[in-house]
Protein backbone atom coordinates (compact mmCIF):
# COMPACT_ATOMS: atom_id res chain seq x y z
CA MET A 1 0.20 0.05 0.38
CA THR A 2 1.26 3.36 -1.11
CA GLN A 3 2.11 6.27 1.25
CA LEU A 4 -1.16 8.27 -0.05
CA ALA A 5 -3.00 5.09 0.34
CA ARG A 6 -2.35 4.78 3.83
CA ILE A 7 -2.80 8.32 4.97
CA LYS A 8 -6.21 8.04 3.20
CA VAL A 9 -7.45 5.19 5.05
CA ALA A 10 -6.14 6.76 8.20
CA GLY A 11 -8.55 9.08 7.55
CA ARG A 12 -11.40 7.72 7.22
CA ALA A 13 -10.57 5.73 10.47
CA ALA A 14 -10.28 8.75 12.01
CA ILE A 15 -13.69 10.46 10.64
CA VAL A 16 -15.46 7.23 11.46
CA ALA A 17 -13.84 7.26 14.86
CA ALA A 18 -14.73 10.95 15.49
CA VAL A 19 -18.32 10.53 14.36
CA LEU A 20 -18.69 7.34 16.35
CA LEU A 21 -17.30 9.12 19.54
CA ALA A 22 -20.18 12.33 18.54
CA ILE A 23 -22.97 9.74 18.29
CA LEU A 24 -21.96 7.28 21.00
CA PRO A 25 -22.78 9.03 23.98
CA GLY A 26 -26.24 10.78 22.85
CA CYS A 27 -27.25 6.61 22.53
CA PHE A 28 -26.05 5.85 25.86
CA ALA A 29 -27.54 9.39 27.40
CA GLN A 30 -31.05 8.55 25.76
CA THR A 31 -30.72 4.52 27.09
CA ALA A 32 -29.88 6.10 30.54
CA THR A 33 -32.89 8.30 30.41
CA HIS A 34 -35.48 5.76 29.57
CA LYS A 35 -34.01 3.10 31.99
CA LYS A 36 -34.36 5.87 35.01
CA LYS A 37 -38.47 6.43 34.50
CA THR A 38 -39.95 7.72 37.85
CA PRO A 39 -42.32 5.44 39.47
CA PRO A 40 -45.77 6.74 38.99
CA LYS A 41 -47.26 9.47 42.09
CA PRO A 42 -49.57 7.08 44.09
CA GLU A 43 -52.86 8.24 44.54
CA PRO A 44 -53.75 10.01 47.40
CA THR A 45 -55.98 8.34 50.33
CA ALA A 46 -59.38 9.99 51.82
CA GLN A 47 -57.37 10.80 54.51
CA GLU A 48 -55.22 12.87 52.48
CA LEU A 49 -57.85 14.34 49.81
CA PHE A 50 -60.00 15.43 53.26
CA GLU A 51 -56.86 17.26 54.85
CA TYR A 52 -56.67 19.08 51.76
CA ILE A 53 -59.89 20.29 51.63
CA ARG A 54 -60.11 21.05 55.30
CA GLY A 55 -57.05 22.84 54.84
CA ALA A 56 -58.69 25.22 52.61
CA LEU A 57 -62.16 25.59 54.16
CA LEU A 58 -60.53 26.96 57.04
CA SER A 59 -58.09 29.26 55.65
CA LEU A 60 -59.71 30.55 53.01
CA SER A 61 -63.15 30.54 55.23
CA PRO A 62 -65.17 33.62 55.10
CA GLU A 63 -65.61 35.58 57.62
CA ASP A 64 -68.52 37.32 57.87
CA GLY A 65 -70.06 35.77 60.97
CA ILE A 66 -72.56 33.80 59.66
CA ASN A 67 -70.86 31.42 56.81
CA ASP A 68 -67.40 30.87 58.78
CA ASN A 69 -65.85 27.64 58.61
CA VAL A 70 -65.41 27.61 62.22
CA ASP A 71 -64.39 23.63 62.65
CA VAL A 72 -64.36 20.42 59.75
CA THR A 73 -64.04 17.22 60.84
CA PHE A 74 -64.05 13.94 58.35
CA ASP A 75 -65.12 10.39 59.80
CA ALA A 76 -63.03 8.05 57.07
CA ALA A 77 -65.52 5.48 58.31
CA THR A 78 -68.32 6.92 56.74
CA GLY A 79 -67.08 9.40 54.79
CA VAL A 80 -68.99 12.23 56.39
CA LEU A 81 -67.63 15.90 56.37
CA THR A 82 -68.63 17.52 59.41
CA VAL A 83 -68.51 21.48 58.31
CA LYS A 84 -69.69 23.86 61.62
CA GLN A 85 -70.21 27.19 61.48
CA PRO A 86 -71.42 29.76 63.64
CA ALA A 87 -75.58 28.70 63.64
CA GLY A 88 -74.61 25.02 63.52
CA HIS A 89 -73.20 22.19 61.81
CA CYS A 90 -73.58 20.50 58.54
CA ASP A 91 -72.80 16.20 58.00
CA GLU A 92 -71.99 16.07 54.63
CA PHE A 93 -72.43 12.41 53.13
CA PHE A 94 -69.98 12.41 50.44
CA GLY A 95 -70.72 8.67 50.01
CA ALA A 96 -73.99 9.75 48.72
CA LEU A 97 -72.33 12.56 46.00
CA ASP A 98 -72.03 12.28 42.36
CA ALA A 99 -68.82 13.55 41.18
CA ASN A 100 -70.70 14.47 37.29
CA ASP A 101 -72.12 17.00 39.61
CA VAL A 102 -70.04 19.71 40.97
CA VAL A 103 -70.61 23.05 39.78
CA TRP A 104 -68.96 26.60 41.16
CA ASP A 105 -70.42 29.63 41.42
CA ASP A 106 -69.81 33.09 42.78
CA PHE A 107 -72.15 34.00 45.53
CA ASP A 108 -73.19 37.29 47.51
CA PRO A 109 -74.44 36.78 51.00
CA SER A 110 -76.07 39.96 51.65
CA ASP A 111 -79.47 41.16 52.23
CA SER A 112 -81.42 44.11 52.68
CA ARG A 113 -79.88 45.00 56.04
CA ASN A 114 -76.25 43.80 56.02
CA THR A 115 -73.44 43.50 53.32
CA ARG A 116 -71.45 40.25 53.43
CA GLU A 117 -68.21 39.34 51.81
CA ARG A 118 -68.49 37.32 48.76
CA LEU A 119 -68.07 34.37 48.36
CA VAL A 120 -67.23 31.17 46.14
CA ARG A 121 -69.53 27.95 46.67
CA VAL A 122 -69.09 24.60 45.27
CA THR A 123 -72.51 22.44 45.02
CA MET A 124 -72.57 19.20 44.53
CA VAL A 125 -75.81 16.82 44.27
CA SER A 126 -76.75 13.56 45.48
CA ASP A 127 -77.63 10.77 43.89
CA SER A 128 -81.30 10.76 43.53
CA SER A 129 -82.28 8.29 46.05
CA LYS A 130 -79.83 9.89 48.58
CA THR A 131 -79.44 12.25 51.27
CA ALA A 132 -76.27 14.66 50.48
CA ARG A 133 -76.39 16.29 53.87
CA THR A 134 -78.20 17.25 57.40
CA CYS A 135 -77.85 20.58 58.92
CA TYR A 136 -78.29 20.78 62.67
CA ASP A 137 -78.97 24.20 64.68
CA LYS A 138 -76.72 25.53 67.44
CA ALA A 139 -79.01 23.42 70.14
CA ASN A 140 -78.31 20.24 67.57
CA GLN A 141 -82.12 19.95 66.52
CA VAL A 142 -82.09 19.30 62.65
CA ASP A 143 -82.86 22.26 60.44
CA PRO A 144 -85.62 21.09 57.75
CA THR A 145 -85.43 24.05 55.77
CA VAL A 146 -81.84 23.01 54.56
CA PRO A 147 -82.13 20.91 51.32
CA ALA A 148 -81.15 17.52 52.11
CA ASN A 149 -79.86 16.63 48.01
CA ARG A 150 -76.84 18.88 47.59
CA VAL A 151 -74.06 20.03 49.28
CA ARG A 152 -72.52 23.31 49.10
CA LEU A 153 -69.12 24.55 50.43
CA LEU A 154 -68.29 27.91 50.93
CA PHE A 155 -65.29 29.98 50.62
CA SER A 156 -64.02 33.91 50.71
CA TYR A 157 -63.96 35.19 47.51
CA ALA A 158 -61.04 37.67 47.62
CA LYS A 159 -58.78 34.72 49.37
CA ALA A 160 -59.80 32.47 47.23
CA ASP A 161 -59.27 34.40 44.12
CA GLN A 162 -55.66 34.57 45.70
CA ARG A 163 -54.31 30.69 44.76
CA SER A 164 -53.63 29.54 41.37
CA LYS A 165 -56.43 26.95 39.59
CA PHE A 166 -57.89 27.09 43.34
CA GLN A 167 -61.11 25.71 41.28
CA GLU A 168 -59.63 23.26 39.03
CA THR A 169 -57.60 21.44 42.04
CA MET A 170 -60.36 21.37 44.63
CA THR A 171 -62.82 20.46 42.37
CA LYS A 172 -60.30 17.13 41.72
CA ALA A 173 -59.79 16.56 45.67
CA ILE A 174 -63.49 16.57 45.64
CA LYS A 175 -64.46 14.39 42.80
CA LYS A 176 -61.55 11.77 44.14
CA LEU A 177 -62.68 11.88 47.65
CA ILE A 178 -66.80 11.31 46.68
CA ALA A 179 -65.40 8.26 44.28
CA LEU A 180 -63.07 6.69 47.41
CA THR A 181 -66.20 6.76 49.81
CA GLY A 182 -68.34 5.55 47.77
CA GLY A 183 -70.08 8.02 46.04
CA ALA A 184 -70.75 7.81 41.94
CA PRO A 185 -67.54 8.46 40.73
CA GLU A 186 -66.85 10.55 37.46
CA HIS A 187 -67.61 9.32 34.19
CA SER A 188 -68.64 10.84 30.88
CA LEU A 189 -72.39 11.30 29.85
CA PHE A 190 -71.78 11.75 26.46
């Protein structure tokens, strides 16, 4: 082989080696990336969802002396969320609710005598044959004026507006808690 032929072969070999060195690290990096898939995040438990909802109900509570969320408890065995307000308390039966019927609205609780803080409320409806809530007055007597076919949770509009994606995140937590406590899970109707 002539000197010129040896130089050409050596040059081609150097080019091939350089190309391989440039390509191979990328291949190894891709392989390593594919091997390091993170495991899926575990689904939250009913207790974790309750703690999230409870925290929001208390920290974003209206402060008008009527609609305040004074205390919130949850019985995981029965799926009952109890919200205590100044006038009494309501037992909310999450296992009776339908996750397809979760609606948010802007609510002004003012009346002709008093101006009150603007609220954001979420309303959930029960399955047609189930009671969604039972409300009690301060004397622990059932309040028959409160409709039993829906649950309403109240938040201060001004406070909730400060949290990014509050309604979206709260809706997800509520729907998951409904499903975990035996209520009708979300499904597509159409």
